């Protein structure tokens, strides 16, 4: 697999919410959906979204804040962010 280069992403919106607790009575997790824009390696404008935990720097991000993502060099619409939370508990 080719290395996925880093590019700057710009926050477009952040919506905070609480995850529904599971049947074991765990407290709901505080999460946020982050919508962002970026230019891929072919300089085409792309949009993406990730969900982050409350302890991520992006949880309280504001519009036009920037952060780094990795982009697939062959498919610019595919990206990866280590800030993204894994789904489930």
C-alpha atoms as a PDB file:
ATOM      1  CA  UNK A   1       0.000   0.000   0.000  1.00  0.00           C
ATOM      2  CA  UNK A   2       1.229   3.479  -0.823  1.00  0.00           C
ATOM      3  CA  UNK A   3       1.869   5.882   2.012  1.00  0.00           C
ATOM      4  CA  UNK A   4      -1.087   8.204   2.588  1.00  0.00           C
ATOM      5  CA  UNK A   5       0.283  11.779   2.636  1.00  0.00           C
ATOM      6  CA  UNK A   6      -0.856  14.342   5.188  1.00  0.00           C
ATOM      7  CA  UNK A   7      -3.034  17.281   4.137  1.00  0.00           C
ATOM      8  CA  UNK A   8      -4.699  20.074   6.083  1.00  0.00           C
ATOM      9  CA  UNK A   9      -8.434  19.789   6.690  1.00  0.00           C
ATOM     10  CA  UNK A  10     -10.618  22.769   7.634  1.00  0.00           C
ATOM     11  CA  UNK A  11     -13.482  22.344  10.100  1.00  0.00           C
ATOM     12  CA  UNK A  12     -16.856  23.318   8.654  1.00  0.00           C
ATOM     13  CA  UNK A  13     -19.054  22.341  11.630  1.00  0.00           C
ATOM     14  CA  UNK A  14     -19.010  20.441  14.925  1.00  0.00           C
ATOM     15  CA  UNK A  15     -22.104  18.896  16.483  1.00  0.00           C
ATOM     16  CA  UNK A  16     -21.704  17.561  20.019  1.00  0.00           C
ATOM     17  CA  UNK A  17     -23.961  14.773  21.320  1.00  0.00           C
ATOM     18  CA  UNK A  18     -24.129  11.941  23.835  1.00  0.00           C
ATOM     19  CA  UNK A  19     -24.098   8.337  22.745  1.00  0.00           C
ATOM     20  CA  UNK A  20     -26.943   6.190  24.079  1.00  0.00           C
ATOM     21  CA  UNK A  21     -25.766   4.103  27.062  1.00  0.00           C
ATOM     22  CA  UNK A  22     -25.590   0.386  26.514  1.00  0.00           C
ATOM     23  CA  UNK A  23     -27.699  -2.163  28.342  1.00  0.00           C
ATOM     24  CA  UNK A  24     -25.067  -2.551  31.073  1.00  0.00           C
ATOM     25  CA  UNK A  25     -25.797   0.923  32.420  1.00  0.00           C
ATOM     26  CA  UNK A  26     -22.576   2.578  31.314  1.00  0.00           C
ATOM     27  CA  UNK A  27     -22.665   6.358  31.217  1.00  0.00           C
ATOM     28  CA  UNK A  28     -23.282   7.826  27.768  1.00  0.00           C
ATOM     29  CA  UNK A  29     -20.127   8.844  25.918  1.00  0.00           C
ATOM     30  CA  UNK A  30     -19.726  12.489  24.920  1.00  0.00           C
ATOM     31  CA  UNK A  31     -18.994  12.610  21.201  1.00  0.00           C
ATOM     32  CA  UNK A  32     -18.925  15.136  18.371  1.00  0.00           C
ATOM     33  CA  UNK A  33     -19.439  14.820  14.630  1.00  0.00           C
ATOM     34  CA  UNK A  34     -16.862  16.940  12.802  1.00  0.00           C
ATOM     35  CA  UNK A  35     -17.584  17.943   9.186  1.00  0.00           C
ATOM     36  CA  UNK A  36     -14.529  19.173   7.301  1.00  0.00           C
ATOM     37  CA  UNK A  37     -13.222  20.152   3.876  1.00  0.00           C
ATOM     38  CA  UNK A  38      -9.843  19.494   2.270  1.00  0.00           C
ATOM     39  CA  UNK A  39      -8.059  19.523  -1.055  1.00  0.00           C
ATOM     40  CA  UNK A  40      -6.822  16.112  -2.167  1.00  0.00           C
ATOM     41  CA  UNK A  41      -3.498  15.509  -3.917  1.00  0.00           C
ATOM     42  CA  UNK A  42      -5.041  16.431  -7.289  1.00  0.00           C
ATOM     43  CA  UNK A  43      -6.202  19.739  -5.704  1.00  0.00           C
ATOM     44  CA  UNK A  44      -9.856  18.647  -5.919  1.00  0.00           C
ATOM     45  CA  UNK A  45     -12.076  19.956  -3.125  1.00  0.00           C
ATOM     46  CA  UNK A  46     -13.424  17.170  -0.900  1.00  0.00           C
ATOM     47  CA  UNK A  47     -15.614  16.918   2.202  1.00  0.00           C
ATOM     48  CA  UNK A  48     -15.465  14.388   5.010  1.00  0.00           C
ATOM     49  CA  UNK A  49     -16.691  13.688   8.504  1.00  0.00           C
ATOM     50  CA  UNK A  50     -15.421  11.905  11.580  1.00  0.00           C
ATOM     51  CA  UNK A  51     -16.773  11.265  15.061  1.00  0.00           C
ATOM     52  CA  UNK A  52     -14.480  12.140  17.966  1.00  0.00           C
ATOM     53  CA  UNK A  53     -14.532  11.561  21.743  1.00  0.00           C
ATOM     54  CA  UNK A  54     -14.801  14.391  24.278  1.00  0.00           C
ATOM     55  CA  UNK A  55     -11.053  14.174  24.969  1.00  0.00           C
ATOM     56  CA  UNK A  56     -10.101  14.885  21.343  1.00  0.00           C
ATOM     57  CA  UNK A  57      -8.804  18.353  20.498  1.00  0.00           C
ATOM     58  CA  UNK A  58     -11.484  18.439  17.774  1.00  0.00           C
ATOM     59  CA  UNK A  59     -14.375  18.026  20.262  1.00  0.00           C
ATOM     60  CA  UNK A  60     -14.393  21.788  20.900  1.00  0.00           C
ATOM     61  CA  UNK A  61     -13.140  22.799  17.450  1.00  0.00           C
ATOM     62  CA  UNK A  62     -14.619  25.869  15.787  1.00  0.00           C
ATOM     63  CA  UNK A  63     -15.405  26.591  12.155  1.00  0.00           C
ATOM     64  CA  UNK A  64     -12.220  27.261  10.138  1.00  0.00           C
ATOM     65  CA  UNK A  65      -9.944  25.485  12.648  1.00  0.00           C
ATOM     66  CA  UNK A  66      -7.515  23.184  10.851  1.00  0.00           C
ATOM     67  CA  UNK A  67      -6.157  19.721  11.576  1.00  0.00           C
ATOM     68  CA  UNK A  68      -4.197  17.049   9.729  1.00  0.00           C
ATOM     69  CA  UNK A  69      -5.668  14.028   7.944  1.00  0.00           C
ATOM     70  CA  UNK A  70      -4.096  11.414   5.691  1.00  0.00           C
ATOM     71  CA  UNK A  71      -5.411  11.062   2.142  1.00  0.00           C
ATOM     72  CA  UNK A  72      -5.342   8.075  -0.192  1.00  0.00           C
ATOM     73  CA  UNK A  73      -3.037   9.181  -3.059  1.00  0.00           C
ATOM     74  CA  UNK A  74      -5.095   7.229  -5.620  1.00  0.00           C
ATOM     75  CA  UNK A  75      -8.603   7.974  -4.307  1.00  0.00           C
ATOM     76  CA  UNK A  76      -8.752  11.501  -2.919  1.00  0.00           C
ATOM     77  CA  UNK A  77     -12.186  11.025  -1.372  1.00  0.00           C
ATOM     78  CA  UNK A  78     -10.734   8.432   1.025  1.00  0.00           C
ATOM     79  CA  UNK A  79      -9.056   9.722   4.153  1.00  0.00           C
ATOM     80  CA  UNK A  80      -7.935   8.686   7.621  1.00  0.00           C
ATOM     81  CA  UNK A  81      -7.735  10.604  10.883  1.00  0.00           C
ATOM     82  CA  UNK A  82      -6.243   9.241  14.108  1.00  0.00           C
ATOM     83  CA  UNK A  83      -8.678  11.594  15.922  1.00  0.00           C
ATOM     84  CA  UNK A  84     -11.646   9.471  14.837  1.00  0.00           C
ATOM     85  CA  UNK A  85     -13.171   7.350  17.574  1.00  0.00           C
ATOM     86  CA  UNK A  86     -13.928   3.690  17.156  1.00  0.00           C
ATOM     87  CA  UNK A  87     -17.619   2.905  17.230  1.00  0.00           C
ATOM     88  CA  UNK A  88     -19.069   0.900  20.081  1.00  0.00           C
ATOM     89  CA  UNK A  89     -17.910   0.551  23.667  1.00  0.00           C
END
